[in-house]
């Protein structure tokens, strides 16, 4: 079942990119710069499509760029350095709330937090984290938001 779901998502991404940026095969390939902001499975579909030659098949010259944070990815999109991005929602939503309303959401590839907490063996459940330190990649990032949600729902703060 998973490969079918992944292929459907991949097809949706490619069809959307072709619809927005594609040309007929009689013209040269369009140059398209896409970005992703996390080395995560949830952001792997453009990389898989590129490696499988899907963009070449539809005559798209596609460069995939890794930008380490959703806020920096949003800045690259705002400045025009990239045309399309697969990022966490935090950077885009924050930019939108600050008045930059030029973004268009084509779709989302997940609607739940899919983060994991990696801990020592004695930590068996979220409540075991009470009074412990929790590390996140970056304040304001999606994993920071996920940690806050876990802490809030697990009554870790009181």
N, C-alpha and C. Protein backbone atom coordinates (compact mmCIF):
# COMPACT_ATOMS: atom_id res chain seq x y z
N UNK A 1 0.82 -1.20 0.00
CA UNK A 1 0.00 0.00 0.00
C UNK A 1 0.85 1.25 0.00
N UNK A 2 1.95 1.27 0.79
CA UNK A 2 2.78 2.47 0.86
C UNK A 2 3.32 2.89 -0.50
N UNK A 3 3.87 1.97 -1.32
CA UNK A 3 4.38 2.42 -2.62
C UNK A 3 3.30 3.06 -3.49
N UNK A 4 2.07 2.56 -3.44
CA UNK A 4 0.98 3.17 -4.21
C UNK A 4 0.71 4.58 -3.74
N UNK A 5 0.67 4.78 -2.44
CA UNK A 5 0.43 6.11 -1.88
C UNK A 5 1.58 7.05 -2.26
N UNK A 6 2.81 6.57 -2.15
CA UNK A 6 3.96 7.40 -2.51
C UNK A 6 3.92 7.76 -3.99
N UNK A 7 3.58 6.82 -4.84
CA UNK A 7 3.51 7.11 -6.28
C UNK A 7 2.41 8.11 -6.59
N UNK A 8 1.27 8.01 -5.92
CA UNK A 8 0.19 8.98 -6.14
C UNK A 8 0.66 10.38 -5.74
N UNK A 9 1.35 10.48 -4.59
CA UNK A 9 1.85 11.78 -4.14
C UNK A 9 2.89 12.31 -5.11
N UNK A 10 3.77 11.44 -5.58
CA UNK A 10 4.79 11.83 -6.54
C UNK A 10 4.15 12.33 -7.83
N UNK A 11 3.14 11.62 -8.32
CA UNK A 11 2.44 12.04 -9.53
C UNK A 11 1.76 13.40 -9.35
N UNK A 12 1.17 13.64 -8.19
CA UNK A 12 0.52 14.93 -7.93
C UNK A 12 1.55 16.05 -7.97
N UNK A 13 2.71 15.84 -7.35
CA UNK A 13 3.76 16.86 -7.35
C UNK A 13 4.21 17.15 -8.77
N UNK A 14 4.51 16.11 -9.53
CA UNK A 14 5.00 16.29 -10.90
C UNK A 14 3.95 16.94 -11.78
N UNK A 15 2.71 16.50 -11.67
CA UNK A 15 1.64 17.10 -12.47
C UNK A 15 1.48 18.58 -12.14
N UNK A 16 1.54 18.92 -10.86
CA UNK A 16 1.42 20.33 -10.46
C UNK A 16 2.58 21.14 -11.02
N UNK A 17 3.80 20.61 -10.94
CA UNK A 17 4.95 21.33 -11.46
C UNK A 17 4.88 21.48 -12.97
N UNK A 18 4.46 20.44 -13.66
CA UNK A 18 4.33 20.51 -15.12
C UNK A 18 3.25 21.51 -15.50
N UNK A 19 2.13 21.51 -14.77
CA UNK A 19 1.05 22.43 -15.07
C UNK A 19 1.48 23.89 -14.89
N UNK A 20 2.30 24.13 -13.87
CA UNK A 20 2.71 25.49 -13.58
C UNK A 20 3.91 25.92 -14.43
N UNK A 21 4.89 25.02 -14.61
CA UNK A 21 6.14 25.41 -15.24
C UNK A 21 6.45 24.70 -16.56
N UNK A 22 5.70 23.69 -16.91
CA UNK A 22 6.04 22.86 -18.05
C UNK A 22 5.79 23.52 -19.39
N UNK A 23 6.52 23.06 -20.40
CA UNK A 23 6.33 23.50 -21.77
C UNK A 23 6.19 22.24 -22.63
N UNK A 24 5.79 22.43 -23.85
CA UNK A 24 5.74 21.29 -24.76
C UNK A 24 7.16 20.82 -25.03
N UNK A 25 7.30 19.59 -25.48
CA UNK A 25 8.63 19.02 -25.69
C UNK A 25 9.37 19.67 -26.84
N UNK A 26 8.72 20.51 -27.64
CA UNK A 26 9.40 21.16 -28.76
C UNK A 26 10.26 22.34 -28.30
N UNK A 27 10.11 22.77 -27.08
CA UNK A 27 10.89 23.87 -26.54
C UNK A 27 11.97 23.31 -25.61
N UNK A 28 12.91 24.16 -25.26
CA UNK A 28 13.92 23.76 -24.29
C UNK A 28 13.30 23.56 -22.92
N UNK A 29 14.01 22.85 -22.07
CA UNK A 29 13.52 22.58 -20.74
C UNK A 29 13.45 23.86 -19.92
N UNK A 30 12.37 24.00 -19.15
CA UNK A 30 12.27 25.11 -18.21
C UNK A 30 13.24 24.86 -17.07
N UNK A 31 13.85 25.93 -16.58
CA UNK A 31 14.72 25.84 -15.41
C UNK A 31 13.85 26.05 -14.19
N UNK A 32 13.87 25.10 -13.29
CA UNK A 32 13.05 25.15 -12.08
C UNK A 32 13.95 24.85 -10.89
N UNK A 33 13.94 25.74 -9.92
CA UNK A 33 14.69 25.51 -8.70
C UNK A 33 13.69 25.22 -7.59
N UNK A 34 13.82 24.05 -7.02
CA UNK A 34 12.98 23.64 -5.91
C UNK A 34 13.83 23.48 -4.67
N UNK A 35 13.21 23.57 -3.53
CA UNK A 35 13.98 23.40 -2.31
C UNK A 35 13.22 22.56 -1.31
N UNK A 36 13.99 22.00 -0.40
CA UNK A 36 13.43 21.29 0.74
C UNK A 36 14.21 21.72 1.96
N UNK A 37 13.58 21.67 3.13
CA UNK A 37 14.21 22.25 4.31
C UNK A 37 14.51 21.23 5.41
N UNK A 38 14.39 19.95 5.10
CA UNK A 38 14.73 18.93 6.09
C UNK A 38 15.12 17.65 5.38
N UNK A 39 16.16 17.00 5.87
CA UNK A 39 16.52 15.69 5.31
C UNK A 39 15.60 14.63 5.91
N UNK A 40 14.36 14.62 5.44
CA UNK A 40 13.34 13.77 6.03
C UNK A 40 12.57 13.03 4.93
N UNK A 41 12.03 11.88 5.29
CA UNK A 41 11.26 11.09 4.34
C UNK A 41 10.08 11.90 3.81
N UNK A 42 9.47 12.71 4.65
CA UNK A 42 8.31 13.49 4.22
C UNK A 42 8.65 14.51 3.15
N UNK A 43 9.94 14.82 2.98
CA UNK A 43 10.35 15.79 1.96
C UNK A 43 11.19 15.13 0.87
N UNK A 44 11.08 13.83 0.73
CA UNK A 44 11.93 13.10 -0.21
C UNK A 44 11.32 12.95 -1.61
N UNK A 45 10.07 13.24 -1.80
CA UNK A 45 9.44 12.97 -3.10
C UNK A 45 10.07 13.72 -4.27
N UNK A 46 10.42 15.00 -4.15
CA UNK A 46 11.09 15.64 -5.30
C UNK A 46 12.45 15.00 -5.60
N UNK A 47 13.18 14.61 -4.57
CA UNK A 47 14.47 13.96 -4.78
C UNK A 47 14.28 12.63 -5.50
N UNK A 48 13.28 11.86 -5.08
CA UNK A 48 12.99 10.58 -5.74
C UNK A 48 12.60 10.80 -7.20
N UNK A 49 11.76 11.80 -7.44
CA UNK A 49 11.34 12.10 -8.82
C UNK A 49 12.54 12.50 -9.67
N UNK A 50 13.42 13.31 -9.12
CA UNK A 50 14.61 13.72 -9.87
C UNK A 50 15.49 12.52 -10.19
N UNK A 51 15.75 11.68 -9.18
CA UNK A 51 16.60 10.50 -9.38
C UNK A 51 15.98 9.51 -10.36
N UNK A 52 14.66 9.43 -10.39
CA UNK A 52 13.96 8.51 -11.31
C UNK A 52 13.83 9.07 -12.72
N UNK A 53 14.25 10.32 -12.93
CA UNK A 53 14.19 10.92 -14.25
C UNK A 53 12.82 11.44 -14.64
N UNK A 54 11.94 11.61 -13.67
CA UNK A 54 10.58 12.07 -13.97
C UNK A 54 10.58 13.49 -14.51
N UNK A 55 11.41 14.35 -13.96
CA UNK A 55 11.45 15.74 -14.44
C UNK A 55 11.98 15.82 -15.87
N UNK A 56 13.00 15.02 -16.18
CA UNK A 56 13.50 14.97 -17.56
C UNK A 56 12.41 14.47 -18.50
N UNK A 57 11.64 13.49 -18.06
CA UNK A 57 10.57 12.93 -18.88
C UNK A 57 9.58 14.03 -19.31
N UNK A 58 9.32 14.98 -18.40
CA UNK A 58 8.39 16.06 -18.70
C UNK A 58 9.10 17.36 -19.11
N UNK A 59 10.39 17.22 -19.45
CA UNK A 59 11.17 18.33 -20.00
C UNK A 59 11.33 19.49 -19.01
N UNK A 60 11.56 19.16 -17.75
CA UNK A 60 11.84 20.17 -16.73
C UNK A 60 13.29 20.05 -16.29
N UNK A 61 14.04 21.14 -16.35
CA UNK A 61 15.40 21.20 -15.83
C UNK A 61 15.26 21.57 -14.36
N UNK A 62 15.35 20.59 -13.49
CA UNK A 62 15.01 20.76 -12.08
C UNK A 62 16.24 20.65 -11.20
N UNK A 63 16.51 21.68 -10.42
CA UNK A 63 17.56 21.65 -9.39
C UNK A 63 16.88 21.61 -8.03
N UNK A 64 17.25 20.65 -7.22
CA UNK A 64 16.73 20.53 -5.86
C UNK A 64 17.80 21.01 -4.90
N UNK A 65 17.46 21.98 -4.07
CA UNK A 65 18.41 22.60 -3.16
C UNK A 65 17.94 22.36 -1.73
N UNK A 66 18.88 21.97 -0.87
CA UNK A 66 18.59 21.80 0.55
C UNK A 66 18.90 23.10 1.28
N UNK A 67 17.91 23.65 1.96
CA UNK A 67 18.08 24.83 2.81
C UNK A 67 17.68 24.41 4.20
N UNK A 68 18.54 24.64 5.16
CA UNK A 68 18.45 23.99 6.46
C UNK A 68 17.25 24.36 7.33
N UNK A 69 16.55 25.41 7.08
CA UNK A 69 15.45 25.80 7.95
C UNK A 69 14.29 26.34 7.13
N UNK A 70 13.07 26.10 7.62
CA UNK A 70 11.88 26.55 6.91
C UNK A 70 11.85 28.07 6.76
N UNK A 71 12.36 28.80 7.75
CA UNK A 71 12.38 30.26 7.65
C UNK A 71 13.31 30.70 6.52
N UNK A 72 14.47 30.07 6.40
CA UNK A 72 15.40 30.41 5.32
C UNK A 72 14.83 29.97 3.98
N UNK A 73 14.12 28.84 3.96
CA UNK A 73 13.47 28.39 2.72
C UNK A 73 12.40 29.38 2.30
N UNK A 74 11.63 29.88 3.25
CA UNK A 74 10.61 30.89 2.94
C UNK A 74 11.27 32.14 2.38
N UNK A 75 12.40 32.54 2.95
CA UNK A 75 13.12 33.72 2.45
C UNK A 75 13.59 33.51 1.01
N UNK A 76 14.06 32.30 0.70
CA UNK A 76 14.50 32.00 -0.67
C UNK A 76 13.32 32.06 -1.64
N UNK A 77 12.17 31.60 -1.22
CA UNK A 77 10.98 31.68 -2.06
C UNK A 77 10.53 33.13 -2.25
N UNK A 78 10.55 33.90 -1.17
CA UNK A 78 10.13 35.30 -1.23
C UNK A 78 11.03 36.09 -2.17
N UNK A 79 12.33 35.82 -2.11
CA UNK A 79 13.29 36.57 -2.92
C UNK A 79 13.31 36.14 -4.38
N UNK A 80 12.66 35.02 -4.69
CA UNK A 80 12.65 34.53 -6.06
C UNK A 80 13.83 33.63 -6.39
N UNK A 81 14.64 33.27 -5.38
CA UNK A 81 15.76 32.37 -5.62
C UNK A 81 15.31 30.94 -5.90
N UNK A 82 14.09 30.62 -5.55
CA UNK A 82 13.51 29.31 -5.84
C UNK A 82 12.04 29.51 -6.18
N UNK A 83 11.52 28.64 -7.03
CA UNK A 83 10.13 28.77 -7.47
C UNK A 83 9.16 27.91 -6.67
N UNK A 84 9.64 26.82 -6.13
CA UNK A 84 8.77 25.88 -5.44
C UNK A 84 9.53 25.27 -4.28
N UNK A 85 8.83 24.97 -3.20
CA UNK A 85 9.49 24.40 -2.04
C UNK A 85 8.63 23.38 -1.34
N UNK A 86 9.29 22.41 -0.77
CA UNK A 86 8.64 21.43 0.09
C UNK A 86 9.27 21.62 1.46
N UNK A 87 8.57 22.32 2.32
CA UNK A 87 9.11 22.70 3.62
C UNK A 87 8.08 22.45 4.69
N UNK A 88 8.53 22.57 5.92
CA UNK A 88 7.59 22.57 7.02
C UNK A 88 6.75 23.83 6.96
N UNK A 89 5.57 23.77 7.51
CA UNK A 89 4.65 24.90 7.40
C UNK A 89 5.00 26.11 8.24
N UNK A 90 5.84 25.94 9.24
CA UNK A 90 6.12 27.02 10.19
C UNK A 90 6.66 28.27 9.48
N UNK A 91 7.68 28.14 8.65
CA UNK A 91 8.28 29.30 7.99
C UNK A 91 7.32 30.01 7.07
N UNK A 92 6.54 29.25 6.31
CA UNK A 92 5.59 29.84 5.36
C UNK A 92 4.46 30.54 6.10
N UNK A 93 3.91 29.88 7.11
CA UNK A 93 2.80 30.46 7.87
C UNK A 93 3.26 31.72 8.60
N UNK A 94 4.46 31.67 9.17
CA UNK A 94 4.99 32.85 9.88
C UNK A 94 5.15 34.03 8.90
N UNK A 95 5.70 33.77 7.72
CA UNK A 95 5.85 34.84 6.72
C UNK A 95 4.49 35.39 6.32
N UNK A 96 3.52 34.50 6.13
CA UNK A 96 2.17 34.92 5.75
C UNK A 96 1.57 35.82 6.84
N UNK A 97 1.72 35.42 8.09
CA UNK A 97 1.17 36.20 9.19
C UNK A 97 1.85 37.55 9.34
N UNK A 98 3.08 37.67 8.84
CA UNK A 98 3.80 38.93 8.89
C UNK A 98 3.54 39.78 7.65
N UNK A 99 2.59 39.34 6.81
CA UNK A 99 2.16 40.18 5.70
C UNK A 99 2.64 39.77 4.32
N UNK A 100 3.45 38.75 4.22
CA UNK A 100 3.93 38.31 2.91
C UNK A 100 2.95 37.25 2.41
N UNK A 101 2.07 37.67 1.53
CA UNK A 101 0.96 36.81 1.13
C UNK A 101 1.06 36.38 -0.32
N UNK A 102 2.29 36.23 -0.82
CA UNK A 102 2.52 35.82 -2.21
C UNK A 102 2.59 34.31 -2.38
N UNK A 103 2.49 33.55 -1.33
CA UNK A 103 2.62 32.10 -1.40
C UNK A 103 1.32 31.45 -1.84
N UNK A 104 1.44 30.34 -2.52
CA UNK A 104 0.30 29.52 -2.89
C UNK A 104 0.60 28.11 -2.43
N UNK A 105 -0.26 27.56 -1.59
CA UNK A 105 -0.12 26.18 -1.18
C UNK A 105 -0.74 25.29 -2.24
N UNK A 106 0.06 24.44 -2.86
CA UNK A 106 -0.45 23.51 -3.86
C UNK A 106 -1.01 22.28 -3.17
N UNK A 107 -0.39 21.87 -2.11
CA UNK A 107 -0.86 20.70 -1.40
C UNK A 107 0.02 20.41 -0.20
N UNK A 108 -0.36 19.43 0.55
CA UNK A 108 0.40 18.99 1.71
C UNK A 108 0.59 17.49 1.61
N UNK A 109 1.73 17.03 2.05
CA UNK A 109 1.96 15.60 1.95
C UNK A 109 1.77 14.87 3.28
N UNK A 110 1.45 15.60 4.33
CA UNK A 110 1.07 14.96 5.59
C UNK A 110 0.25 15.94 6.40
N UNK A 111 -0.61 15.42 7.22
CA UNK A 111 -1.46 16.30 8.03
C UNK A 111 -1.35 15.99 9.52
N UNK A 112 -0.28 15.30 9.89
CA UNK A 112 -0.03 15.00 11.30
C UNK A 112 1.45 15.23 11.59
N UNK A 113 1.78 15.40 12.84
CA UNK A 113 3.18 15.49 13.23
C UNK A 113 3.76 14.08 13.22
N UNK A 114 4.86 13.91 12.53
CA UNK A 114 5.44 12.57 12.39
C UNK A 114 6.81 12.48 13.04
N UNK A 115 7.06 13.30 14.04
CA UNK A 115 8.35 13.32 14.69
C UNK A 115 8.46 12.20 15.72
N UNK A 116 9.66 11.83 16.03
CA UNK A 116 9.93 10.82 17.06
C UNK A 116 10.80 11.45 18.14
N UNK A 117 10.62 10.97 19.35
CA UNK A 117 11.51 11.36 20.44
C UNK A 117 12.44 10.18 20.67
N UNK A 118 13.72 10.43 20.56
CA UNK A 118 14.73 9.40 20.79
C UNK A 118 15.30 9.65 22.17
N UNK A 119 15.24 8.63 23.04
CA UNK A 119 15.63 8.81 24.43
C UNK A 119 16.35 7.58 24.96
N UNK A 120 16.88 7.73 26.16
CA UNK A 120 17.53 6.60 26.83
C UNK A 120 16.49 5.51 27.14
N UNK A 121 16.95 4.28 27.34
CA UNK A 121 16.01 3.16 27.54
C UNK A 121 15.04 3.34 28.70
N UNK A 122 15.42 4.10 29.72
CA UNK A 122 14.51 4.26 30.87
C UNK A 122 13.32 5.18 30.54
N UNK A 123 13.37 5.90 29.45
CA UNK A 123 12.24 6.74 29.02
C UNK A 123 11.33 5.87 28.18
N UNK A 124 10.16 5.54 28.72
CA UNK A 124 9.23 4.63 28.04
C UNK A 124 7.99 5.34 27.49
N UNK A 125 7.63 6.47 28.08
CA UNK A 125 6.42 7.19 27.69
C UNK A 125 6.65 8.68 27.87
N UNK A 126 5.85 9.51 27.25
CA UNK A 126 6.09 10.96 27.32
C UNK A 126 6.15 11.50 28.75
N UNK A 127 5.37 10.94 29.66
CA UNK A 127 5.37 11.42 31.04
C UNK A 127 6.72 11.21 31.72
N UNK A 128 7.52 10.24 31.23
CA UNK A 128 8.85 9.99 31.79
C UNK A 128 9.82 11.13 31.47
N UNK A 129 9.43 12.04 30.61
CA UNK A 129 10.28 13.17 30.26
C UNK A 129 10.17 14.33 31.25
N UNK A 130 9.18 14.24 32.17
CA UNK A 130 8.95 15.34 33.11
C UNK A 130 10.23 15.60 33.92
N UNK A 131 10.66 16.86 33.91
CA UNK A 131 11.87 17.26 34.62
C UNK A 131 13.16 17.00 33.86
N UNK A 132 13.06 16.45 32.68
CA UNK A 132 14.24 16.17 31.85
C UNK A 132 14.43 17.27 30.81
N UNK A 133 15.61 17.30 30.24
CA UNK A 133 15.89 18.23 29.14
C UNK A 133 15.56 17.55 27.83
N UNK A 134 15.04 18.35 26.90
CA UNK A 134 14.68 17.85 25.58
C UNK A 134 15.37 18.72 24.54
N UNK A 135 16.11 18.11 23.65
CA UNK A 135 16.82 18.87 22.62
C UNK A 135 16.02 18.92 21.33
N UNK A 136 16.09 20.05 20.66
CA UNK A 136 15.46 20.22 19.35
C UNK A 136 16.51 20.77 18.40
N UNK A 137 16.27 20.60 17.12
CA UNK A 137 17.21 21.04 16.11
C UNK A 137 17.36 22.56 16.09
N UNK A 138 16.24 23.27 16.14
CA UNK A 138 16.27 24.74 16.08
C UNK A 138 14.99 25.27 16.71
N UNK A 139 15.11 26.32 17.50
CA UNK A 139 13.91 26.96 18.05
C UNK A 139 13.08 27.52 16.92
N UNK A 140 11.78 27.31 16.97
CA UNK A 140 10.88 27.77 15.92
C UNK A 140 10.73 26.77 14.79
N UNK A 141 11.44 25.65 14.84
CA UNK A 141 11.37 24.65 13.78
C UNK A 141 10.17 23.73 13.99
N UNK A 142 9.92 22.88 13.00
CA UNK A 142 8.82 21.93 13.14
C UNK A 142 9.06 20.95 14.27
N UNK A 143 10.32 20.52 14.48
CA UNK A 143 10.53 19.58 15.58
C UNK A 143 10.41 20.28 16.94
N UNK A 144 10.70 21.57 17.00
CA UNK A 144 10.46 22.35 18.22
C UNK A 144 8.96 22.41 18.51
N UNK A 145 8.18 22.71 17.47
CA UNK A 145 6.72 22.74 17.61
C UNK A 145 6.19 21.38 18.05
N UNK A 146 6.71 20.31 17.46
CA UNK A 146 6.28 18.96 17.84
C UNK A 146 6.62 18.66 19.30
N UNK A 147 7.80 19.07 19.74
CA UNK A 147 8.19 18.85 21.14
C UNK A 147 7.27 19.63 22.08
N UNK A 148 6.93 20.86 21.71
CA UNK A 148 6.01 21.65 22.55
C UNK A 148 4.63 20.99 22.62
N UNK A 149 4.15 20.46 21.49
CA UNK A 149 2.85 19.80 21.48
C UNK A 149 2.88 18.53 22.32
N UNK A 150 3.97 17.78 22.24
CA UNK A 150 4.12 16.57 23.05
C UNK A 150 4.13 16.93 24.52
N UNK A 151 4.90 17.96 24.86
CA UNK A 151 4.98 18.39 26.26
C UNK A 151 3.63 18.87 26.77
N UNK A 152 2.92 19.64 25.95
CA UNK A 152 1.61 20.18 26.35
C UNK A 152 0.60 19.05 26.54
N UNK A 153 0.55 18.12 25.62
CA UNK A 153 -0.43 17.04 25.68
C UNK A 153 -0.08 16.00 26.73
N UNK A 154 1.16 15.95 27.16
CA UNK A 154 1.58 14.98 28.15
C UNK A 154 1.65 15.58 29.55
N UNK A 155 1.24 16.83 29.69
CA UNK A 155 1.28 17.55 30.97
C UNK A 155 2.68 17.58 31.55
N UNK A 156 3.68 17.79 30.69
CA UNK A 156 5.05 17.84 31.17
C UNK A 156 5.37 19.14 31.88
N UNK A 157 4.57 20.18 31.64
CA UNK A 157 4.85 21.46 32.24
C UNK A 157 3.99 21.75 33.46
N UNK A 158 3.39 20.72 34.02
CA UNK A 158 2.61 21.00 35.23
C UNK A 158 1.31 20.31 35.30
